[in-house]
Amino acid sequence: MSRSISGSAITITAGHYAATVLTVGAALGSFTCNRRDLVLPSPVDTLSHAFLGKALVPWPNRVAGGSYSWNGRMHYLPVNDLPNDAALHGLLCWQEWQVAHASADAVTLTSFIAPRPGYEWPLECTASYHLDPDEGLGVTIESVNIGVETAPYGVASHPYICLGGQPADAYELTMPAELVYTMDGNQVPIAAVSVKEAAADFRAARYIGGAALDHAFTGFPDGVWTIKVSEPSSGLSVELSSDVGYAQLYSADAIGRRALAVEPMSCAPNAFNSGDGLVHLAHGQRHRFGYALRALG
């Protein structure tokens, strides 16, 4: 494997499915069925924008002000979203992960979070991608705390659904979430309210149209739930399934609304401060996160 701007690209295939995984950020660089894109591609020789496909560890979304209190002490993270004064998307997005195993239909990468100012807990992390000819793509991200003290922890993945070369406006979305967070001017959650009250109800299929989505949803059914995205003119539809408690939906306005980010998350945005869904990862404890993505029809 040769190294490029986004590290190395590993290709896996199964049946009509193919995917590439990039070592920088353990990112999903592409995912196709019958050679048709199901996610917005992120070529290995380009700088990935908008966190395309990346593994978000040890927190997803934002930490407001880049600061939080843990066990009575304040911690300060680098702020990488200056307009909204936040630390975004964890510590491993721009780090090269190591390939631990690769086969025709699967790849596993590993990385290590060394203690540092702002996040003082050592974590060993693993990201695995597996293709099945019938079930499509399965993704798991696991982290184990190898330190002595309990660590604050959250995780997510950042795939951008892209169907038929059409913008997000053309997509029909079905999502079983009952609650959506209201946000302040810096995209920090204020409260979870009913999706109907917030005019963000996708429990029945609904076109996105011109709606500017950058919202965190919760109130999903217990067990495995499914989000469906369709683009009628191309006949393409995908399902993303997970059992986590939260998902961020983003209409990708910063990149021309070329896709719809559907981000399953283990916790809410700003969980390091609110505690909403935050994992207290004890010494030796392993946390497992996963989702599946497949084409329909």
C-alpha atoms as a PDB file:
ATOM      1  CA  MET A   1       0.000   0.000   0.000  1.00  0.00           C
ATOM      2  CA  SER A   2       1.338   3.430  -0.935  1.00  0.00           C
ATOM      3  CA  ARG A   3       0.759   6.406   1.344  1.00  0.00           C
ATOM      4  CA  SER A   4      -1.020   9.551   0.162  1.00  0.00           C
ATOM      5  CA  ILE A   5      -2.657  12.630   1.712  1.00  0.00           C
ATOM      6  CA  SER A   6      -5.280  10.551   3.521  1.00  0.00           C
ATOM      7  CA  GLY A   7      -2.916   7.680   4.263  1.00  0.00           C
ATOM      8  CA  SER A   8      -3.444   4.385   2.483  1.00  0.00           C
ATOM      9  CA  ALA A   9      -6.618   3.011   0.904  1.00  0.00           C
ATOM     10  CA  ILE A  10      -7.721  -0.577   1.481  1.00  0.00           C
ATOM     11  CA  THR A  11     -10.381  -1.961  -0.858  1.00  0.00           C
ATOM     12  CA  ILE A  12     -12.785  -4.697   0.220  1.00  0.00           C
ATOM     13  CA  THR A  13     -15.483  -6.419  -1.836  1.00  0.00           C
ATOM     14  CA  ALA A  14     -18.365  -8.869  -1.411  1.00  0.00           C
ATOM     15  CA  GLY A  15     -20.952  -9.661  -4.071  1.00  0.00           C
ATOM     16  CA  HIS A  16     -22.140  -6.415  -5.667  1.00  0.00           C
ATOM     17  CA  TYR A  17     -20.638  -4.308  -2.854  1.00  0.00           C
ATOM     18  CA  ALA A  18     -17.242  -2.600  -2.696  1.00  0.00           C
ATOM     19  CA  ALA A  19     -15.747  -0.193  -0.168  1.00  0.00           C
ATOM     20  CA  THR A  20     -12.489   1.592   0.479  1.00  0.00           C
ATOM     21  CA  VAL A  21     -11.216   2.410   3.942  1.00  0.00           C
ATOM     22  CA  LEU A  22      -8.651   5.175   4.466  1.00  0.00           C
ATOM     23  CA  THR A  23      -6.055   4.818   7.199  1.00  0.00           C
ATOM     24  CA  VAL A  24      -6.146   8.503   8.191  1.00  0.00           C
ATOM     25  CA  GLY A  25      -9.142   8.781  10.486  1.00  0.00           C
ATOM     26  CA  ALA A  26     -10.140   5.136   9.867  1.00  0.00           C
ATOM     27  CA  ALA A  27     -12.472   6.723   7.324  1.00  0.00           C
ATOM     28  CA  LEU A  28     -14.967   5.172   4.943  1.00  0.00           C
ATOM     29  CA  GLY A  29     -13.568   6.504   1.673  1.00  0.00           C
ATOM     30  CA  SER A  30     -16.186   4.957  -0.612  1.00  0.00           C
ATOM     31  CA  PHE A  31     -19.056   2.489  -0.588  1.00  0.00           C
ATOM     32  CA  THR A  32     -20.765   1.280  -3.748  1.00  0.00           C
ATOM     33  CA  CYS A  33     -23.319  -1.272  -4.901  1.00  0.00           C
ATOM     34  CA  ASN A  34     -23.157  -2.301  -8.542  1.00  0.00           C
ATOM     35  CA  ARG A  35     -20.549   0.461  -8.928  1.00  0.00           C
ATOM     36  CA  ARG A  36     -23.038   3.153  -7.892  1.00  0.00           C
ATOM     37  CA  ASP A  37     -22.062   5.422  -5.013  1.00  0.00           C
ATOM     38  CA  LEU A  38     -23.957   5.070  -1.756  1.00  0.00           C
ATOM     39  CA  VAL A  39     -21.738   7.504   0.174  1.00  0.00           C
ATOM     40  CA  LEU A  40     -19.933  10.643  -0.954  1.00  0.00           C
ATOM     41  CA  PRO A  41     -16.461   9.457  -2.019  1.00  0.00           C
ATOM     42  CA  SER A  42     -13.345  10.774  -0.305  1.00  0.00           C
ATOM     43  CA  PRO A  43     -10.343   9.880  -2.499  1.00  0.00           C
ATOM     44  CA  VAL A  44      -7.131   8.944  -0.717  1.00  0.00           C
ATOM     45  CA  ASP A  45      -5.129  11.571  -2.626  1.00  0.00           C
ATOM     46  CA  THR A  46      -7.278  14.504  -1.461  1.00  0.00           C
ATOM     47  CA  LEU A  47      -7.684  16.293   1.848  1.00  0.00           C
ATOM     48  CA  SER A  48     -10.951  15.115   3.372  1.00  0.00           C
ATOM     49  CA  HIS A  49     -13.371  17.943   4.085  1.00  0.00           C
ATOM     50  CA  ALA A  50     -16.335  17.923   6.458  1.00  0.00           C
ATOM     51  CA  PHE A  51     -15.002  14.836   8.303  1.00  0.00           C
ATOM     52  CA  LEU A  52     -16.127  12.559   5.466  1.00  0.00           C
ATOM     53  CA  GLY A  53     -16.579   9.019   6.774  1.00  0.00           C
ATOM     54  CA  LYS A  54     -14.296   9.424   9.773  1.00  0.00           C
ATOM     55  CA  ALA A  55     -14.293   7.600  13.114  1.00  0.00           C
ATOM     56  CA  LEU A  56     -15.036  10.122  15.878  1.00  0.00           C
ATOM     57  CA  VAL A  57     -13.270   9.077  19.098  1.00  0.00           C
ATOM     58  CA  PRO A  58     -13.265   9.744  22.105  1.00  0.00           C
ATOM     59  CA  TRP A  59     -16.109  12.205  21.624  1.00  0.00           C
ATOM     60  CA  PRO A  60     -18.425  12.909  18.682  1.00  0.00           C
ATOM     61  CA  ASN A  61     -19.744  16.279  17.679  1.00  0.00           C
ATOM     62  CA  ARG A  62     -18.698  19.118  19.985  1.00  0.00           C
ATOM     63  CA  VAL A  63     -17.376  20.027  23.405  1.00  0.00           C
ATOM     64  CA  ALA A  64     -18.600  23.583  23.997  1.00  0.00           C
ATOM     65  CA  GLY A  65     -15.771  26.031  24.592  1.00  0.00           C
ATOM     66  CA  GLY A  66     -13.327  23.127  24.417  1.00  0.00           C
ATOM     67  CA  SER A  67     -13.631  22.781  28.191  1.00  0.00           C
ATOM     68  CA  TYR A  68     -15.298  20.388  30.620  1.00  0.00           C
ATOM     69  CA  SER A  69     -15.116  19.272  34.235  1.00  0.00           C
ATOM     70  CA  TRP A  70     -14.299  15.668  35.138  1.00  0.00           C
ATOM     71  CA  ASN A  71     -13.928  14.395  38.703  1.00  0.00           C
ATOM     72  CA  GLY A  72     -13.724  17.931  40.013  1.00  0.00           C
ATOM     73  CA  ARG A  73     -11.011  19.134  37.621  1.00  0.00           C
ATOM     74  CA  MET A  74     -11.286  21.329  34.547  1.00  0.00           C
ATOM     75  CA  HIS A  75      -9.860  20.078  31.255  1.00  0.00           C
ATOM     76  CA  TYR A  76      -9.181  22.180  28.161  1.00  0.00           C
ATOM     77  CA  LEU A  77      -9.178  20.837  24.599  1.00  0.00           C
ATOM     78  CA  PRO A  78      -7.951  22.589  21.449  1.00  0.00           C
ATOM     79  CA  VAL A  79     -10.812  24.473  19.799  1.00  0.00           C
ATOM     80  CA  ASN A  80     -10.971  23.521  16.104  1.00  0.00           C
ATOM     81  CA  ASP A  81     -14.368  25.072  15.340  1.00  0.00           C
ATOM     82  CA  LEU A  82     -13.580  28.727  15.938  1.00  0.00           C
ATOM     83  CA  PRO A  83     -16.894  30.199  14.670  1.00  0.00           C
ATOM     84  CA  ASN A  84     -18.810  28.049  17.176  1.00  0.00           C
ATOM     85  CA  ASP A  85     -16.124  27.963  19.898  1.00  0.00           C
ATOM     86  CA  ALA A  86     -15.984  24.181  20.160  1.00  0.00           C
ATOM     87  CA  ALA A  87     -13.687  21.182  20.082  1.00  0.00           C
ATOM     88  CA  LEU A  88     -15.053  18.993  17.285  1.00  0.00           C
ATOM     89  CA  HIS A  89     -15.085  15.249  16.669  1.00  0.00           C
ATOM     90  CA  GLY A  90     -12.443  13.787  18.946  1.00  0.00           C
ATOM     91  CA  LEU A  91      -8.733  13.131  18.619  1.00  0.00           C
ATOM     92  CA  LEU A  92      -8.288  10.523  15.882  1.00  0.00           C
ATOM     93  CA  CYS A  93      -9.769  12.108  12.734  1.00  0.00           C
ATOM     94  CA  TRP A  94      -6.392  13.246  11.400  1.00  0.00           C
ATOM     95  CA  GLN A  95      -4.256  10.498  12.873  1.00  0.00           C
ATOM     96  CA  GLU A  96      -3.127   7.563  10.766  1.00  0.00           C
ATOM     97  CA  TRP A  97      -4.457   4.263  12.045  1.00  0.00           C
ATOM     98  CA  GLN A  98      -2.518   1.032  11.599  1.00  0.00           C
ATOM     99  CA  VAL A  99      -3.830  -1.905   9.562  1.00  0.00           C
ATOM    100  CA  ALA A 100      -4.057  -4.884  11.909  1.00  0.00           C
ATOM    101  CA  HIS A 101      -5.801  -7.273   9.518  1.00  0.00           C
ATOM    102  CA  ALA A 102      -7.058  -7.175   5.947  1.00  0.00           C
ATOM    103  CA  SER A 103      -8.830  -9.754   3.800  1.00  0.00           C
ATOM    104  CA  ALA A 104     -10.938  -9.692   0.654  1.00  0.00           C
ATOM    105  CA  ASP A 105     -14.074  -8.564   2.500  1.00  0.00           C
ATOM    106  CA  ALA A 106     -12.860  -7.037   5.783  1.00  0.00           C
ATOM    107  CA  VAL A 107     -10.272  -4.728   7.301  1.00  0.00           C
ATOM    108  CA  THR A 108      -9.413  -3.885  10.903  1.00  0.00           C
ATOM    109  CA  LEU A 109      -7.414  -0.835  11.961  1.00  0.00           C
ATOM    110  CA  THR A 110      -6.017   0.118  15.358  1.00  0.00           C
ATOM    111  CA  SER A 111      -4.951   3.343  17.020  1.00  0.00           C
ATOM    112  CA  PHE A 112      -3.869   4.623  20.423  1.00  0.00           C
ATOM    113  CA  ILE A 113      -4.945   7.749  22.262  1.00  0.00           C
ATOM    114  CA  ALA A 114      -2.018   8.807  24.407  1.00  0.00           C
ATOM    115  CA  PRO A 115      -2.800  10.890  27.497  1.00  0.00           C
ATOM    116  CA  ARG A 116      -2.374  14.600  26.843  1.00  0.00           C
ATOM    117  CA  PRO A 117      -3.478  17.959  28.226  1.00  0.00           C
ATOM    118  CA  GLY A 118      -7.251  18.080  27.792  1.00  0.00           C
ATOM    119  CA  TYR A 119      -7.703  14.294  27.652  1.00  0.00           C
ATOM    120  CA  GLU A 120      -5.562  12.383  30.145  1.00  0.00           C
ATOM    121  CA  TRP A 121      -6.730   8.769  29.658  1.00  0.00           C
ATOM    122  CA  PRO A 122      -4.994   6.140  27.483  1.00  0.00           C
ATOM    123  CA  LEU A 123      -7.312   4.276  25.119  1.00  0.00           C
ATOM    124  CA  GLU A 124      -6.649   1.469  22.669  1.00  0.00           C
ATOM    125  CA  CYS A 125      -9.043   1.791  19.722  1.00  0.00           C
ATOM    126  CA  THR A 126     -10.092  -0.570  16.935  1.00  0.00           C
ATOM    127  CA  ALA A 127     -12.181   0.162  13.837  1.00  0.00           C
ATOM    128  CA  SER A 128     -13.469  -2.733  11.730  1.00  0.00           C
ATOM    129  CA  TYR A 129     -15.217  -2.718   8.348  1.00  0.00           C
ATOM    130  CA  HIS A 130     -16.815  -5.872   6.940  1.00  0.00           C
ATOM    131  CA  LEU A 131     -18.792  -6.473   3.755  1.00  0.00           C
ATOM    132  CA  ASP A 132     -21.450  -9.129   3.326  1.00  0.00           C
ATOM    133  CA  PRO A 133     -22.937  -9.844  -0.124  1.00  0.00           C
ATOM    134  CA  ASP A 134     -26.477  -9.730   1.289  1.00  0.00           C
ATOM    135  CA  GLU A 135     -26.268  -7.428   4.321  1.00  0.00           C
ATOM    136  CA  GLY A 136     -23.884  -4.786   2.978  1.00  0.00           C
ATOM    137  CA  LEU A 137     -21.446  -2.942   5.234  1.00  0.00           C
ATOM    138  CA  GLY A 138     -20.942  -3.505   8.942  1.00  0.00           C
ATOM    139  CA  VAL A 139     -18.843  -1.061  10.968  1.00  0.00           C
ATOM    140  CA  THR A 140     -17.670  -1.429  14.557  1.00  0.00           C
ATOM    141  CA  ILE A 141     -15.517   0.865  16.672  1.00  0.00           C
ATOM    142  CA  GLU A 142     -14.230  -0.448  19.985  1.00  0.00           C
ATOM    143  CA  SER A 143     -12.181   1.266  22.675  1.00  0.00           C
ATOM    144  CA  VAL A 144     -10.666  -0.090  25.870  1.00  0.00           C
ATOM    145  CA  ASN A 145      -9.393   2.049  28.730  1.00  0.00           C
ATOM    146  CA  ILE A 146      -5.910   0.810  29.632  1.00  0.00           C
ATOM    147  CA  GLY A 147      -5.399   3.504  32.244  1.00  0.00           C
ATOM    148  CA  VAL A 148      -6.154   3.482  35.954  1.00  0.00           C
ATOM    149  CA  GLU A 149      -8.804   6.199  36.126  1.00  0.00           C
ATOM    150  CA  THR A 150     -12.290   6.184  34.610  1.00  0.00           C
ATOM    151  CA  ALA A 151     -12.421   8.167  31.351  1.00  0.00           C
ATOM    152  CA  PRO A 152     -15.209  10.227  29.758  1.00  0.00           C
ATOM    153  CA  TYR A 153     -16.017   8.673  26.404  1.00  0.00           C
ATOM    154  CA  GLY A 154     -18.221   8.908  23.349  1.00  0.00           C
ATOM    155  CA  VAL A 155     -17.989   7.690  19.768  1.00  0.00           C
ATOM    156  CA  ALA A 156     -19.639   8.130  16.383  1.00  0.00           C
ATOM    157  CA  SER A 157     -19.093   7.628  12.671  1.00  0.00           C
ATOM    158  CA  HIS A 158     -19.580  10.250   9.964  1.00  0.00           C
ATOM    159  CA  PRO A 159     -20.831   8.683   6.695  1.00  0.00           C
ATOM    160  CA  TYR A 160     -22.367  10.972   4.073  1.00  0.00           C
ATOM    161  CA  ILE A 161     -25.170   9.291   2.129  1.00  0.00           C
ATOM    162  CA  CYS A 162     -24.967  10.219  -1.562  1.00  0.00           C
ATOM    163  CA  LEU A 163     -27.486   8.794  -4.034  1.00  0.00           C
ATOM    164  CA  GLY A 164     -27.793   9.173  -7.788  1.00  0.00           C
ATOM    165  CA  GLY A 165     -25.472  12.169  -7.895  1.00  0.00           C
ATOM    166  CA  GLN A 166     -28.343  14.256  -6.538  1.00  0.00           C
ATOM    167  CA  PRO A 167     -28.194  16.826  -3.704  1.00  0.00           C
ATOM    168  CA  ALA A 168     -29.709  16.254  -0.284  1.00  0.00           C
ATOM    169  CA  ASP A 169     -32.752  18.299  -1.354  1.00  0.00           C
ATOM    170  CA  ALA A 170     -33.888  15.380  -3.540  1.00  0.00           C
ATOM    171  CA  TYR A 171     -33.743  12.750  -0.810  1.00  0.00           C
ATOM    172  CA  GLU A 172     -36.681  11.211   0.983  1.00  0.00           C
ATOM    173  CA  LEU A 173     -35.900  10.491   4.641  1.00  0.00           C
ATOM    174  CA  THR A 174     -37.579   8.134   7.100  1.00  0.00           C
ATOM    175  CA  MET A 175     -36.319   8.123  10.702  1.00  0.00           C
ATOM    176  CA  PRO A 176     -38.022   6.801  13.870  1.00  0.00           C
ATOM    177  CA  ALA A 177     -36.607   9.427  16.271  1.00  0.00           C
ATOM    178  CA  GLU A 178     -39.230  11.068  18.505  1.00  0.00           C
ATOM    179  CA  LEU A 179     -37.055  13.864  19.922  1.00  0.00           C
ATOM    180  CA  VAL A 180     -34.718  16.488  18.500  1.00  0.00           C
ATOM    181  CA  TYR A 181     -32.452  18.908  20.350  1.00  0.00           C
ATOM    182  CA  THR A 182     -32.961  22.629  20.154  1.00  0.00           C
ATOM    183  CA  MET A 183     -29.634  24.444  19.830  1.00  0.00           C
ATOM    184  CA  ASP A 184     -28.140  27.751  20.821  1.00  0.00           C
ATOM    185  CA  GLY A 185     -26.258  29.977  18.379  1.00  0.00           C
ATOM    186  CA  ASN A 186     -23.124  27.832  18.717  1.00  0.00           C
ATOM    187  CA  GLN A 187     -24.906  24.543  17.957  1.00  0.00           C
ATOM    188  CA  VAL A 188     -24.874  23.499  21.627  1.00  0.00           C
ATOM    189  CA  PRO A 189     -27.972  21.519  22.690  1.00  0.00           C
ATOM    190  CA  ILE A 190     -30.477  23.272  24.943  1.00  0.00           C
ATOM    191  CA  ALA A 191     -33.274  20.723  25.330  1.00  0.00           C
ATOM    192  CA  ALA A 192     -34.771  17.679  23.629  1.00  0.00           C
ATOM    193  CA  VAL A 193     -38.253  18.442  22.298  1.00  0.00           C
ATOM    194  CA  SER A 194     -40.740  16.464  20.224  1.00  0.00           C
ATOM    195  CA  VAL A 195     -39.865  16.270  16.539  1.00  0.00           C
ATOM    196  CA  LYS A 196     -43.412  17.358  15.712  1.00  0.00           C
ATOM    197  CA  GLU A 197     -43.078  20.505  17.817  1.00  0.00           C
ATOM    198  CA  ALA A 198     -39.763  21.327  16.130  1.00  0.00           C
ATOM    199  CA  ALA A 199     -41.055  20.645  12.595  1.00  0.00           C
ATOM    200  CA  ALA A 200     -38.391  17.944  12.258  1.00  0.00           C
ATOM    201  CA  ASP A 201     -40.635  14.893  12.148  1.00  0.00           C
ATOM    202  CA  PHE A 202     -39.387  12.214   9.750  1.00  0.00           C
ATOM    203  CA  ARG A 203     -41.231   9.272  11.296  1.00  0.00           C
ATOM    204  CA  ALA A 204     -43.191   9.111   8.061  1.00  0.00           C
ATOM    205  CA  ALA A 205     -41.259   9.414   4.801  1.00  0.00           C
ATOM    206  CA  ARG A 206     -40.653  13.055   3.916  1.00  0.00           C
ATOM    207  CA  TYR A 207     -38.566  14.951   1.387  1.00  0.00           C
ATOM    208  CA  ILE A 208     -35.728  17.028   2.796  1.00  0.00           C
ATOM    209  CA  GLY A 209     -36.262  19.752   0.216  1.00  0.00           C
ATOM    210  CA  GLY A 210     -34.570  22.987   1.186  1.00  0.00           C
ATOM    211  CA  ALA A 211     -34.471  22.224   4.914  1.00  0.00           C
ATOM    212  CA  ALA A 212     -31.125  23.079   6.510  1.00  0.00           C
ATOM    213  CA  LEU A 213     -30.452  20.110   8.755  1.00  0.00           C
ATOM    214  CA  ASP A 214     -27.717  20.098  11.371  1.00  0.00           C
ATOM    215  CA  HIS A 215     -29.663  18.525  14.211  1.00  0.00           C
ATOM    216  CA  ALA A 216     -29.126  15.859  16.843  1.00  0.00           C
ATOM    217  CA  PHE A 217     -31.993  13.402  17.277  1.00  0.00           C
ATOM    218  CA  THR A 218     -32.812  10.989  20.086  1.00  0.00           C
ATOM    219  CA  GLY A 219     -35.858   9.099  21.355  1.00  0.00           C
ATOM    220  CA  PHE A 220     -35.172   6.106  19.113  1.00  0.00           C
ATOM    221  CA  PRO A 221     -36.942   2.791  19.742  1.00  0.00           C
ATOM    222  CA  ASP A 222     -35.227   0.275  22.007  1.00  0.00           C
ATOM    223  CA  GLY A 223     -33.032  -2.221  20.197  1.00  0.00           C
ATOM    224  CA  VAL A 224     -31.986  -1.850  16.587  1.00  0.00           C
ATOM    225  CA  TRP A 225     -33.567   1.008  14.652  1.00  0.00           C
ATOM    226  CA  THR A 226     -33.287   1.949  10.970  1.00  0.00           C
ATOM    227  CA  ILE A 227     -33.001   5.208   9.045  1.00  0.00           C
ATOM    228  CA  LYS A 228     -33.969   5.007   5.364  1.00  0.00           C
ATOM    229  CA  VAL A 229     -32.781   7.450   2.702  1.00  0.00           C
ATOM    230  CA  SER A 230     -34.140   7.273  -0.865  1.00  0.00           C
ATOM    231  CA  GLU A 231     -33.562   9.182  -4.097  1.00  0.00           C
ATOM    232  CA  PRO A 232     -36.581   8.382  -6.293  1.00  0.00           C
ATOM    233  CA  SER A 233     -35.254   9.533  -9.677  1.00  0.00           C
ATOM    234  CA  SER A 234     -32.368   7.054  -9.535  1.00  0.00           C
ATOM    235  CA  GLY A 235     -34.297   4.352  -7.710  1.00  0.00           C
ATOM    236  CA  LEU A 236     -31.567   4.176  -5.069  1.00  0.00           C
ATOM    237  CA  SER A 237     -32.331   3.639  -1.392  1.00  0.00           C
ATOM    238  CA  VAL A 238     -30.161   2.791   1.598  1.00  0.00           C
ATOM    239  CA  GLU A 239     -30.806   1.780   5.179  1.00  0.00           C
ATOM    240  CA  LEU A 240     -28.558   2.641   8.107  1.00  0.00           C
ATOM    241  CA  SER A 241     -29.218   0.546  11.214  1.00  0.00           C
ATOM    242  CA  SER A 242     -27.827   0.862  14.732  1.00  0.00           C
ATOM    243  CA  ASP A 243     -28.806   0.497  18.373  1.00  0.00           C
ATOM    244  CA  VAL A 244     -27.229   3.668  19.775  1.00  0.00           C
ATOM    245  CA  GLY A 245     -29.284   6.402  21.391  1.00  0.00           C
ATOM    246  CA  TYR A 246     -28.474   9.370  19.171  1.00  0.00           C
ATOM    247  CA  ALA A 247     -27.954  10.427  15.557  1.00  0.00           C
ATOM    248  CA  GLN A 248     -26.864  13.670  13.931  1.00  0.00           C
ATOM    249  CA  LEU A 249     -28.421  14.579  10.576  1.00  0.00           C
ATOM    250  CA  TYR A 250     -26.587  17.161   8.468  1.00  0.00           C
ATOM    251  CA  SER A 251     -27.597  18.370   5.014  1.00  0.00           C
ATOM    252  CA  ALA A 252     -23.967  19.164   4.159  1.00  0.00           C
ATOM    253  CA  ASP A 253     -24.563  22.834   3.459  1.00  0.00           C
ATOM    254  CA  ALA A 254     -20.833  23.578   3.815  1.00  0.00           C
ATOM    255  CA  ILE A 255     -20.062  21.329   0.830  1.00  0.00           C
ATOM    256  CA  GLY A 256     -22.935  22.320  -1.421  1.00  0.00           C
ATOM    257  CA  ARG A 257     -25.576  19.950  -0.001  1.00  0.00           C
ATOM    258  CA  ARG A 258     -24.059  17.156  -2.101  1.00  0.00           C
ATOM    259  CA  ALA A 259     -24.998  14.479   0.438  1.00  0.00           C
ATOM    260  CA  LEU A 260     -26.762  13.811   3.733  1.00  0.00           C
ATOM    261  CA  ALA A 261     -24.604  12.994   6.742  1.00  0.00           C
ATOM    262  CA  VAL A 262     -26.259  10.361   8.923  1.00  0.00           C
ATOM    263  CA  GLU A 263     -24.118  10.030  12.032  1.00  0.00           C
ATOM    264  CA  PRO A 264     -25.035   7.404  14.637  1.00  0.00           C
ATOM    265  CA  MET A 265     -23.661   8.595  17.998  1.00  0.00           C
ATOM    266  CA  SER A 266     -23.277   7.007  21.421  1.00  0.00           C
ATOM    267  CA  CYS A 267     -23.997  10.334  23.133  1.00  0.00           C
ATOM    268  CA  ALA A 268     -25.452  13.765  22.518  1.00  0.00           C
ATOM    269  CA  PRO A 269     -23.425  16.759  21.332  1.00  0.00           C
ATOM    270  CA  ASN A 270     -21.583  18.390  24.251  1.00  0.00           C
ATOM    271  CA  ALA A 271     -21.998  15.251  26.371  1.00  0.00           C
ATOM    272  CA  PHE A 272     -18.691  15.975  28.130  1.00  0.00           C
ATOM    273  CA  ASN A 273     -20.543  18.872  29.773  1.00  0.00           C
ATOM    274  CA  SER A 274     -24.180  17.739  29.835  1.00  0.00           C
ATOM    275  CA  GLY A 275     -23.560  14.063  30.606  1.00  0.00           C
ATOM    276  CA  ASP A 276     -26.308  13.136  28.124  1.00  0.00           C
ATOM    277  CA  GLY A 277     -25.374   9.621  27.007  1.00  0.00           C
ATOM    278  CA  LEU A 278     -21.776   9.992  28.206  1.00  0.00           C
ATOM    279  CA  VAL A 279     -19.937   6.720  28.826  1.00  0.00           C
ATOM    280  CA  HIS A 280     -17.895   6.426  32.024  1.00  0.00           C
ATOM    281  CA  LEU A 281     -15.222   4.063  30.711  1.00  0.00           C
ATOM    282  CA  ALA A 282     -13.613   2.332  33.687  1.00  0.00           C
ATOM    283  CA  HIS A 283     -10.166   0.747  33.865  1.00  0.00           C
ATOM    284  CA  GLY A 284     -10.094  -2.290  31.577  1.00  0.00           C
ATOM    285  CA  GLN A 285     -13.610  -1.658  30.281  1.00  0.00           C
ATOM    286  CA  ARG A 286     -14.316  -2.059  26.565  1.00  0.00           C
ATOM    287  CA  HIS A 287     -16.984  -0.066  24.740  1.00  0.00           C
ATOM    288  CA  ARG A 288     -18.401  -1.293  21.430  1.00  0.00           C
ATOM    289  CA  PHE A 289     -20.249   0.860  18.893  1.00  0.00           C
ATOM    290  CA  GLY A 290     -21.609  -0.295  15.563  1.00  0.00           C
ATOM    291  CA  TYR A 291     -23.856   0.337  12.609  1.00  0.00           C
ATOM    292  CA  ALA A 292     -24.786  -1.287   9.300  1.00  0.00           C
ATOM    293  CA  LEU A 293     -25.380   0.271   5.897  1.00  0.00           C
ATOM    294  CA  ARG A 294     -26.971  -1.505   2.946  1.00  0.00           C
ATOM    295  CA  ALA A 295     -28.645  -0.847  -0.375  1.00  0.00           C
ATOM    296  CA  LEU A 296     -32.296  -1.709  -0.871  1.00  0.00           C
ATOM    297  CA  GLY A 297     -33.690  -3.365  -3.949  1.00  0.00           C
END
